[in-house]
Structure formats: C-alpha cells, structure tokens
Amino acid sequence: MESYTNHQGMLGIELIDAKTRGLAWRMFASVKLLHSDPDKIWKTAVNNVKDAFKSYPPSPKAVEAKKKQWAKDDSAKNPSQP
C-alpha cells in the first residue's frame, strides 16, 4: 500500500482604500506545494505576489469588468423575490 500527501498553499492579499475604507484590490494565489523546503515555499509565494502585482493598479476596463462580475455573482446568490 502506498499513500501520498498533497499540500496546497493559499495566499490572499487585499488592499483597502484609506479614504473610502472599501476594497481597492484583491489577489489570491493557490498553488500545489511540490516541496517541503521553507526557502522554496517562500520563493514560490514571492513569485506569485510579484506576478499578481503586475496587474496593479487595474485598468478602468478591468475594474468595470470585475464590478459586472461581482454584480452577476451577487444576483446569483440573492435571486430577486417575486
């Protein structure tokens, strides 16, 4: 008999607008950890954060697309009542 252990790591970063106290930007990175060396794990995390910040600040087009997606998600969660 063989058994395997699968490790998954998730990192989330949220930036809050100081004036409005609203969410300004959010990123999540979820990766399968293929090694147990802490230095390699941190290197993976740092690379994911660097990649995520390449899209910051988001373009106005990206902001509008995200707002539409959130509105769609909200309406799916809370269907209007008759």
PDB file of N, CA and C in Angstrom:
ATOM      1  N   MET A   1       0.837  -1.162   0.000  1.00  0.00           N
ATOM      2  CA  MET A   1       0.000   0.000   0.000  1.00  0.00           C
ATOM      3  C   MET A   1       0.889   1.234   0.000  1.00  0.00           C
ATOM      4  N   GLU A   2       0.492   2.222  -0.774  1.00  0.00           N
ATOM      5  CA  GLU A   2       1.218   3.487  -0.819  1.00  0.00           C
ATOM      6  C   GLU A   2       0.264   4.612  -0.453  1.00  0.00           C
ATOM      7  N   SER A   3       0.817   5.632   0.181  1.00  0.00           N
ATOM      8  CA  SER A   3      -0.001   6.810   0.466  1.00  0.00           C
ATOM      9  C   SER A   3       0.773   8.055   0.070  1.00  0.00           C
ATOM     10  N   TYR A   4       0.033   9.068  -0.312  1.00  0.00           N
ATOM     11  CA  TYR A   4       0.644  10.314  -0.752  1.00  0.00           C
ATOM     12  C   TYR A   4       0.041  11.461   0.036  1.00  0.00           C
ATOM     13  N   THR A   5       0.855  12.441   0.274  1.00  0.00           N
ATOM     14  CA  THR A   5       0.390  13.654   0.924  1.00  0.00           C
ATOM     15  C   THR A   5       0.436  14.781  -0.091  1.00  0.00           C
ATOM     16  N   ASN A   6      -0.652  15.506  -0.176  1.00  0.00           N
ATOM     17  CA  ASN A   6      -0.747  16.622  -1.110  1.00  0.00           C
ATOM     18  C   ASN A   6      -0.884  17.902  -0.293  1.00  0.00           C
ATOM     19  N   HIS A   7       0.030  18.829  -0.468  1.00  0.00           N
ATOM     20  CA  HIS A   7      -0.015  20.089   0.261  1.00  0.00           C
ATOM     21  C   HIS A   7      -0.420  21.204  -0.695  1.00  0.00           C
ATOM     22  N   GLN A   8      -1.354  21.995  -0.255  1.00  0.00           N
ATOM     23  CA  GLN A   8      -1.850  23.117  -1.047  1.00  0.00           C
ATOM     24  C   GLN A   8      -1.631  24.377  -0.226  1.00  0.00           C
ATOM     25  N   GLY A   9      -1.149  25.411  -0.882  1.00  0.00           N
ATOM     26  CA  GLY A   9      -0.948  26.675  -0.194  1.00  0.00           C
ATOM     27  C   GLY A   9      -1.806  27.757  -0.822  1.00  0.00           C
ATOM     28  N   MET A  10      -2.359  28.643   0.025  1.00  0.00           N
ATOM     29  CA  MET A  10      -3.141  29.760  -0.491  1.00  0.00           C
ATOM     30  C   MET A  10      -2.686  31.036   0.190  1.00  0.00           C
ATOM     31  N   LEU A  11      -2.563  32.068  -0.624  1.00  0.00           N
ATOM     32  CA  LEU A  11      -2.163  33.376  -0.133  1.00  0.00           C
ATOM     33  C   LEU A  11      -3.159  34.389  -0.661  1.00  0.00           C
ATOM     34  N   GLY A  12      -3.665  35.229   0.213  1.00  0.00           N
ATOM     35  CA  GLY A  12      -4.590  36.282  -0.191  1.00  0.00           C
ATOM     36  C   GLY A  12      -4.068  37.633   0.263  1.00  0.00           C
ATOM     37  N   ILE A  13      -4.208  38.631  -0.603  1.00  0.00           N
ATOM     38  CA  ILE A  13      -3.808  39.999  -0.267  1.00  0.00           C
ATOM     39  C   ILE A  13      -4.961  40.912  -0.651  1.00  0.00           C
ATOM     40  N   GLU A  14      -5.363  41.780   0.273  1.00  0.00           N
ATOM     41  CA  GLU A  14      -6.389  42.770  -0.003  1.00  0.00           C
ATOM     42  C   GLU A  14      -5.826  44.144   0.306  1.00  0.00           C
ATOM     43  N   LEU A  15      -6.027  45.071  -0.633  1.00  0.00           N
ATOM     44  CA  LEU A  15      -5.629  46.451  -0.423  1.00  0.00           C
ATOM     45  C   LEU A  15      -6.909  47.250  -0.180  1.00  0.00           C
ATOM     46  N   ILE A  16      -6.927  48.031   0.891  1.00  0.00           N
ATOM     47  CA  ILE A  16      -8.090  48.811   1.280  1.00  0.00           C
ATOM     48  C   ILE A  16      -7.818  50.290   1.017  1.00  0.00           C
ATOM     49  N   ASP A  17      -8.784  50.960   0.385  1.00  0.00           N
ATOM     50  CA  ASP A  17      -8.684  52.395   0.118  1.00  0.00           C
ATOM     51  C   ASP A  17      -8.809  53.128   1.452  1.00  0.00           C
ATOM     52  N   ALA A  18      -7.808  53.926   1.792  1.00  0.00           N
ATOM     53  CA  ALA A  18      -7.788  54.615   3.085  1.00  0.00           C
ATOM     54  C   ALA A  18      -8.917  55.633   3.215  1.00  0.00           C
ATOM     55  N   LYS A  19      -9.326  56.245   2.110  1.00  0.00           N
ATOM     56  CA  LYS A  19     -10.381  57.270   2.169  1.00  0.00           C
ATOM     57  C   LYS A  19     -11.769  56.661   2.297  1.00  0.00           C
ATOM     58  N   THR A  20     -12.059  55.681   1.466  1.00  0.00           N
ATOM     59  CA  THR A  20     -13.405  55.103   1.448  1.00  0.00           C
ATOM     60  C   THR A  20     -13.541  53.872   2.336  1.00  0.00           C
ATOM     61  N   ARG A  21     -12.408  53.337   2.739  1.00  0.00           N
ATOM     62  CA  ARG A  21     -12.355  52.086   3.514  1.00  0.00           C
ATOM     63  C   ARG A  21     -12.985  50.919   2.771  1.00  0.00           C
ATOM     64  N   GLY A  22     -13.021  51.053   1.461  1.00  0.00           N
ATOM     65  CA  GLY A  22     -13.541  49.984   0.617  1.00  0.00           C
ATOM     66  C   GLY A  22     -12.404  49.185   0.007  1.00  0.00           C
ATOM     67  N   LEU A  23     -12.757  48.036  -0.494  1.00  0.00           N
ATOM     68  CA  LEU A  23     -11.774  47.176  -1.133  1.00  0.00           C
ATOM     69  C   LEU A  23     -11.280  47.829  -2.415  1.00  0.00           C
ATOM     70  N   ALA A  24      -9.989  48.018  -2.514  1.00  0.00           N
ATOM     71  CA  ALA A  24      -9.399  48.624  -3.708  1.00  0.00           C
ATOM     72  C   ALA A  24      -8.879  47.558  -4.673  1.00  0.00           C
ATOM     73  N   TRP A  25      -8.379  46.461  -4.135  1.00  0.00           N
ATOM     74  CA  TRP A  25      -7.790  45.426  -4.978  1.00  0.00           C
ATOM     75  C   TRP A  25      -7.606  44.172  -4.149  1.00  0.00           C
ATOM     76  N   ARG A  26      -7.760  43.022  -4.799  1.00  0.00           N
ATOM     77  CA  ARG A  26      -7.609  41.748  -4.098  1.00  0.00           C
ATOM     78  C   ARG A  26      -6.938  40.750  -5.023  1.00  0.00           C
ATOM     79  N   MET A  27      -6.089  39.912  -4.451  1.00  0.00           N
ATOM     80  CA  MET A  27      -5.495  38.823  -5.219  1.00  0.00           C
ATOM     81  C   MET A  27      -5.432  37.578  -4.358  1.00  0.00           C
ATOM     82  N   PHE A  28      -5.608  36.447  -5.005  1.00  0.00           N
ATOM     83  CA  PHE A  28      -5.453  35.159  -4.349  1.00  0.00           C
ATOM     84  C   PHE A  28      -4.515  34.321  -5.200  1.00  0.00           C
ATOM     85  N   ALA A  29      -3.640  33.618  -4.546  1.00  0.00           N
ATOM     86  CA  ALA A  29      -2.764  32.679  -5.239  1.00  0.00           C
ATOM     87  C   ALA A  29      -2.896  31.336  -4.534  1.00  0.00           C
ATOM     88  N   SER A  30      -3.179  30.332  -5.285  1.00  0.00           N
ATOM     89  CA  SER A  30      -3.317  28.988  -4.743  1.00  0.00           C
ATOM     90  C   SER A  30      -2.430  28.064  -5.558  1.00  0.00           C
ATOM     91  N   VAL A  31      -1.516  27.410  -4.881  1.00  0.00           N
ATOM     92  CA  VAL A  31      -0.582  26.533  -5.588  1.00  0.00           C
ATOM     93  C   VAL A  31      -0.415  25.219  -4.841  1.00  0.00           C
ATOM     94  N   LYS A  32      -0.115  24.202  -5.599  1.00  0.00           N
ATOM     95  CA  LYS A  32       0.226  22.910  -5.030  1.00  0.00           C
ATOM     96  C   LYS A  32       1.703  22.964  -4.660  1.00  0.00           C
ATOM     97  N   LEU A  33       2.012  22.673  -3.419  1.00  0.00           N
ATOM     98  CA  LEU A  33       3.400  22.726  -2.961  1.00  0.00           C
ATOM     99  C   LEU A  33       4.061  21.387  -3.243  1.00  0.00           C
ATOM    100  N   LEU A  34       5.057  21.449  -4.101  1.00  0.00           N
ATOM    101  CA  LEU A  34       5.721  20.225  -4.533  1.00  0.00           C
ATOM    102  C   LEU A  34       6.958  19.905  -3.705  1.00  0.00           C
ATOM    103  N   HIS A  35       7.280  20.756  -2.748  1.00  0.00           N
ATOM    104  CA  HIS A  35       8.480  20.553  -1.944  1.00  0.00           C
ATOM    105  C   HIS A  35       8.190  20.989  -0.512  1.00  0.00           C
ATOM    106  N   SER A  36       9.024  20.591   0.400  1.00  0.00           N
ATOM    107  CA  SER A  36       8.814  20.948   1.800  1.00  0.00           C
ATOM    108  C   SER A  36       9.879  21.906   2.325  1.00  0.00           C
ATOM    109  N   ASP A  37      10.804  22.301   1.470  1.00  0.00           N
ATOM    110  CA  ASP A  37      11.850  23.232   1.874  1.00  0.00           C
ATOM    111  C   ASP A  37      11.246  24.629   2.066  1.00  0.00           C
ATOM    112  N   PRO A  38      11.302  25.197   3.279  1.00  0.00           N
ATOM    113  CA  PRO A  38      10.698  26.515   3.531  1.00  0.00           C
ATOM    114  C   PRO A  38      11.216  27.601   2.586  1.00  0.00           C
ATOM    115  N   ASP A  39      12.477  27.572   2.229  1.00  0.00           N
ATOM    116  CA  ASP A  39      13.013  28.581   1.313  1.00  0.00           C
ATOM    117  C   ASP A  39      12.353  28.498  -0.061  1.00  0.00           C
ATOM    118  N   LYS A  40      12.120  27.290  -0.537  1.00  0.00           N
ATOM    119  CA  LYS A  40      11.469  27.110  -1.834  1.00  0.00           C
ATOM    120  C   LYS A  40      10.005  27.531  -1.758  1.00  0.00           C
ATOM    121  N   ILE A  41       9.361  27.254  -0.633  1.00  0.00           N
ATOM    122  CA  ILE A  41       7.966  27.661  -0.452  1.00  0.00           C
ATOM    123  C   ILE A  41       7.862  29.181  -0.485  1.00  0.00           C
ATOM    124  N   TRP A  42       8.758  29.863   0.234  1.00  0.00           N
ATOM    125  CA  TRP A  42       8.733  31.332   0.233  1.00  0.00           C
ATOM    126  C   TRP A  42       9.046  31.882  -1.147  1.00  0.00           C
ATOM    127  N   LYS A  43       9.955  31.253  -1.862  1.00  0.00           N
ATOM    128  CA  LYS A  43      10.282  31.714  -3.208  1.00  0.00           C
ATOM    129  C   LYS A  43       9.054  31.598  -4.114  1.00  0.00           C
ATOM    130  N   THR A  44       8.312  30.511  -3.983  1.00  0.00           N
ATOM    131  CA  THR A  44       7.079  30.337  -4.754  1.00  0.00           C
ATOM    132  C   THR A  44       6.080  31.434  -4.404  1.00  0.00           C
ATOM    133  N   ALA A  45       5.927  31.724  -3.108  1.00  0.00           N
ATOM    134  CA  ALA A  45       4.994  32.768  -2.674  1.00  0.00           C
ATOM    135  C   ALA A  45       5.403  34.134  -3.219  1.00  0.00           C
ATOM    136  N   VAL A  46       6.668  34.464  -3.115  1.00  0.00           N
ATOM    137  CA  VAL A  46       7.159  35.757  -3.599  1.00  0.00           C
ATOM    138  C   VAL A  46       6.924  35.891  -5.104  1.00  0.00           C
ATOM    139  N   ASN A  47       7.182  34.834  -5.854  1.00  0.00           N
ATOM    140  CA  ASN A  47       6.962  34.877  -7.302  1.00  0.00           C
ATOM    141  C   ASN A  47       5.481  35.081  -7.636  1.00  0.00           C
ATOM    142  N   ASN A  48       4.589  34.436  -6.870  1.00  0.00           N
ATOM    143  CA  ASN A  48       3.156  34.620  -7.100  1.00  0.00           C
ATOM    144  C   ASN A  48       2.724  36.047  -6.794  1.00  0.00           C
ATOM    145  N   VAL A  49       3.253  36.636  -5.738  1.00  0.00           N
ATOM    146  CA  VAL A  49       2.902  38.014  -5.386  1.00  0.00           C
ATOM    147  C   VAL A  49       3.422  38.970  -6.462  1.00  0.00           C
ATOM    148  N   LYS A  50       4.645  38.764  -6.912  1.00  0.00           N
ATOM    149  CA  LYS A  50       5.190  39.612  -7.981  1.00  0.00           C
ATOM    150  C   LYS A  50       4.327  39.529  -9.234  1.00  0.00           C
ATOM    151  N   ASP A  51       3.921  38.320  -9.606  1.00  0.00           N
ATOM    152  CA  ASP A  51       3.080  38.146 -10.785  1.00  0.00           C
ATOM    153  C   ASP A  51       1.738  38.855 -10.603  1.00  0.00           C
ATOM    154  N   ALA A  52       1.164  38.755  -9.409  1.00  0.00           N
ATOM    155  CA  ALA A  52      -0.130  39.382  -9.152  1.00  0.00           C
ATOM    156  C   ALA A  52      -0.034  40.901  -9.247  1.00  0.00           C
ATOM    157  N   PHE A  53       1.024  41.475  -8.715  1.00  0.00           N
ATOM    158  CA  PHE A  53       1.156  42.925  -8.723  1.00  0.00           C
ATOM    159  C   PHE A  53       1.479  43.492 -10.104  1.00  0.00           C
ATOM    160  N   LYS A  54       1.745  42.634 -11.080  1.00  0.00           N
ATOM    161  CA  LYS A  54       1.936  43.117 -12.442  1.00  0.00           C
ATOM    162  C   LYS A  54       0.632  43.710 -12.978  1.00  0.00           C
ATOM    163  N   SER A  55      -0.500  43.271 -12.440  1.00  0.00           N
ATOM    164  CA  SER A  55      -1.788  43.785 -12.895  1.00  0.00           C
ATOM    165  C   SER A  55      -2.320  44.888 -11.977  1.00  0.00           C
ATOM    166  N   TYR A  56      -1.459  45.430 -11.119  1.00  0.00           N
ATOM    167  CA  TYR A  56      -1.871  46.516 -10.228  1.00  0.00           C
ATOM    168  C   TYR A  56      -1.152  47.790 -10.624  1.00  0.00           C
ATOM    169  N   PRO A  57      -1.804  48.922 -10.688  1.00  0.00           N
ATOM    170  CA  PRO A  57      -3.234  49.080 -10.457  1.00  0.00           C
ATOM    171  C   PRO A  57      -4.032  48.575 -11.658  1.00  0.00           C
ATOM    172  N   PRO A  58      -5.240  48.116 -11.399  1.00  0.00           N
ATOM    173  CA  PRO A  58      -6.051  47.606 -12.501  1.00  0.00           C
ATOM    174  C   PRO A  58      -6.503  48.735 -13.420  1.00  0.00           C
ATOM    175  N   SER A  59      -6.654  48.415 -14.673  1.00  0.00           N
ATOM    176  CA  SER A  59      -7.134  49.406 -15.643  1.00  0.00           C
ATOM    177  C   SER A  59      -8.612  49.686 -15.378  1.00  0.00           C
ATOM    178  N   PRO A  60      -9.103  50.852 -15.800  1.00  0.00           N
ATOM    179  CA  PRO A  60     -10.538  51.132 -15.639  1.00  0.00           C
ATOM    180  C   PRO A  60     -11.419  50.050 -16.272  1.00  0.00           C
ATOM    181  N   LYS A  61     -10.975  49.515 -17.402  1.00  0.00           N
ATOM    182  CA  LYS A  61     -11.725  48.446 -18.072  1.00  0.00           C
ATOM    183  C   LYS A  61     -11.786  47.194 -17.181  1.00  0.00           C
ATOM    184  N   ALA A  62     -10.670  46.856 -16.551  1.00  0.00           N
ATOM    185  CA  ALA A  62     -10.630  45.688 -15.668  1.00  0.00           C
ATOM    186  C   ALA A  62     -11.508  45.906 -14.437  1.00  0.00           C
ATOM    187  N   VAL A  63     -11.527  47.132 -13.922  1.00  0.00           N
ATOM    188  CA  VAL A  63     -12.357  47.453 -12.754  1.00  0.00           C
ATOM    189  C   VAL A  63     -13.836  47.278 -13.114  1.00  0.00           C
ATOM    190  N   GLU A  64     -14.247  47.808 -14.256  1.00  0.00           N
ATOM    191  CA  GLU A  64     -15.645  47.677 -14.676  1.00  0.00           C
ATOM    192  C   GLU A  64     -16.024  46.219 -14.911  1.00  0.00           C
ATOM    193  N   ALA A  65     -15.126  45.454 -15.521  1.00  0.00           N
ATOM    194  CA  ALA A  65     -15.395  44.035 -15.751  1.00  0.00           C
ATOM    195  C   ALA A  65     -15.569  43.304 -14.429  1.00  0.00           C
ATOM    196  N   LYS A  66     -14.737  43.633 -13.451  1.00  0.00           N
ATOM    197  CA  LYS A  66     -14.829  42.985 -12.137  1.00  0.00           C
ATOM    198  C   LYS A  66     -16.129  43.379 -11.439  1.00  0.00           C
ATOM    199  N   LYS A  67     -16.523  44.659 -11.531  1.00  0.00           N
ATOM    200  CA  LYS A  67     -17.779  45.103 -10.919  1.00  0.00           C
ATOM    201  C   LYS A  67     -18.970  44.367 -11.528  1.00  0.00           C
ATOM    202  N   LYS A  68     -18.943  44.185 -12.842  1.00  0.00           N
ATOM    203  CA  LYS A  68     -20.020  43.449 -13.505  1.00  0.00           C
ATOM    204  C   LYS A  68     -20.050  41.998 -13.030  1.00  0.00           C
ATOM    205  N   GLN A  69     -18.864  41.407 -12.878  1.00  0.00           N
ATOM    206  CA  GLN A  69     -18.797  40.020 -12.419  1.00  0.00           C
ATOM    207  C   GLN A  69     -19.326  39.906 -10.989  1.00  0.00           C
ATOM    208  N   TRP A  70     -18.962  40.860 -10.123  1.00  0.00           N
ATOM    209  CA  TRP A  70     -19.454  40.835  -8.738  1.00  0.00           C
ATOM    210  C   TRP A  70     -20.975  40.995  -8.712  1.00  0.00           C
ATOM    211  N   ALA A  71     -21.512  41.899  -9.538  1.00  0.00           N
ATOM    212  CA  ALA A  71     -22.960  42.097  -9.589  1.00  0.00           C
ATOM    213  C   ALA A  71     -23.654  40.819 -10.051  1.00  0.00           C
ATOM    214  N   LYS A  72     -23.065  40.160 -11.043  1.00  0.00           N
ATOM    215  CA  LYS A  72     -23.630  38.900 -11.539  1.00  0.00           C
ATOM    216  C   LYS A  72     -23.586  37.837 -10.441  1.00  0.00           C
ATOM    217  N   ASP A  73     -22.454  37.749  -9.738  1.00  0.00           N
ATOM    218  CA  ASP A  73     -22.322  36.779  -8.647  1.00  0.00           C
ATOM    219  C   ASP A  73     -23.329  37.069  -7.541  1.00  0.00           C
ATOM    220  N   ASP A  74     -23.503  38.357  -7.205  1.00  0.00           N
ATOM    221  CA  ASP A  74     -24.444  38.743  -6.145  1.00  0.00           C
ATOM    222  C   ASP A  74     -25.870  38.392  -6.537  1.00  0.00           C
ATOM    223  N   SER A  75     -26.233  38.656  -7.781  1.00  0.00           N
ATOM    224  CA  SER A  75     -27.606  38.357  -8.206  1.00  0.00           C
ATOM    225  C   SER A  75     -27.860  36.855  -8.235  1.00  0.00           C
ATOM    226  N   ALA A  76     -26.835  36.078  -8.508  1.00  0.00           N
ATOM    227  CA  ALA A  76     -26.996  34.618  -8.491  1.00  0.00           C
ATOM    228  C   ALA A  76     -27.164  34.107  -7.062  1.00  0.00           C
ATOM    229  N   LYS A  77     -26.513  34.748  -6.107  1.00  0.00           N
ATOM    230  CA  LYS A  77     -26.623  34.341  -4.707  1.00  0.00           C
ATOM    231  C   LYS A  77     -27.940  34.788  -4.080  1.00  0.00           C
ATOM    232  N   ASN A  78     -28.406  35.966  -4.515  1.00  0.00           N
ATOM    233  CA  ASN A  78     -29.619  36.559  -3.948  1.00  0.00           C
ATOM    234  C   ASN A  78     -30.635  36.812  -5.057  1.00  0.00           C
ATOM    235  N   PRO A  79     -31.320  35.762  -5.502  1.00  0.00           N
ATOM    236  CA  PRO A  79     -32.295  35.968  -6.583  1.00  0.00           C
ATOM    237  C   PRO A  79     -33.405  36.909  -6.125  1.00  0.00           C
ATOM    238  N   SER A  80     -33.870  37.727  -7.053  1.00  0.00           N
ATOM    239  CA  SER A  80     -34.931  38.681  -6.700  1.00  0.00           C
ATOM    240  C   SER A  80     -36.201  37.926  -6.365  1.00  0.00           C
ATOM    241  N   GLN A  81     -36.922  38.457  -5.410  1.00  0.00           N
ATOM    242  CA  GLN A  81     -38.149  37.804  -4.973  1.00  0.00           C
ATOM    243  C   GLN A  81     -39.330  38.336  -5.763  1.00  0.00           C
ATOM    244  N   PRO A  82     -40.326  37.478  -6.038  1.00  0.00           N
ATOM    245  CA  PRO A  82     -41.489  37.902  -6.847  1.00  0.00           C
ATOM    246  C   PRO A  82     -42.374  38.878  -6.115  1.00  0.00           C
TER     247      PRO A  82
END
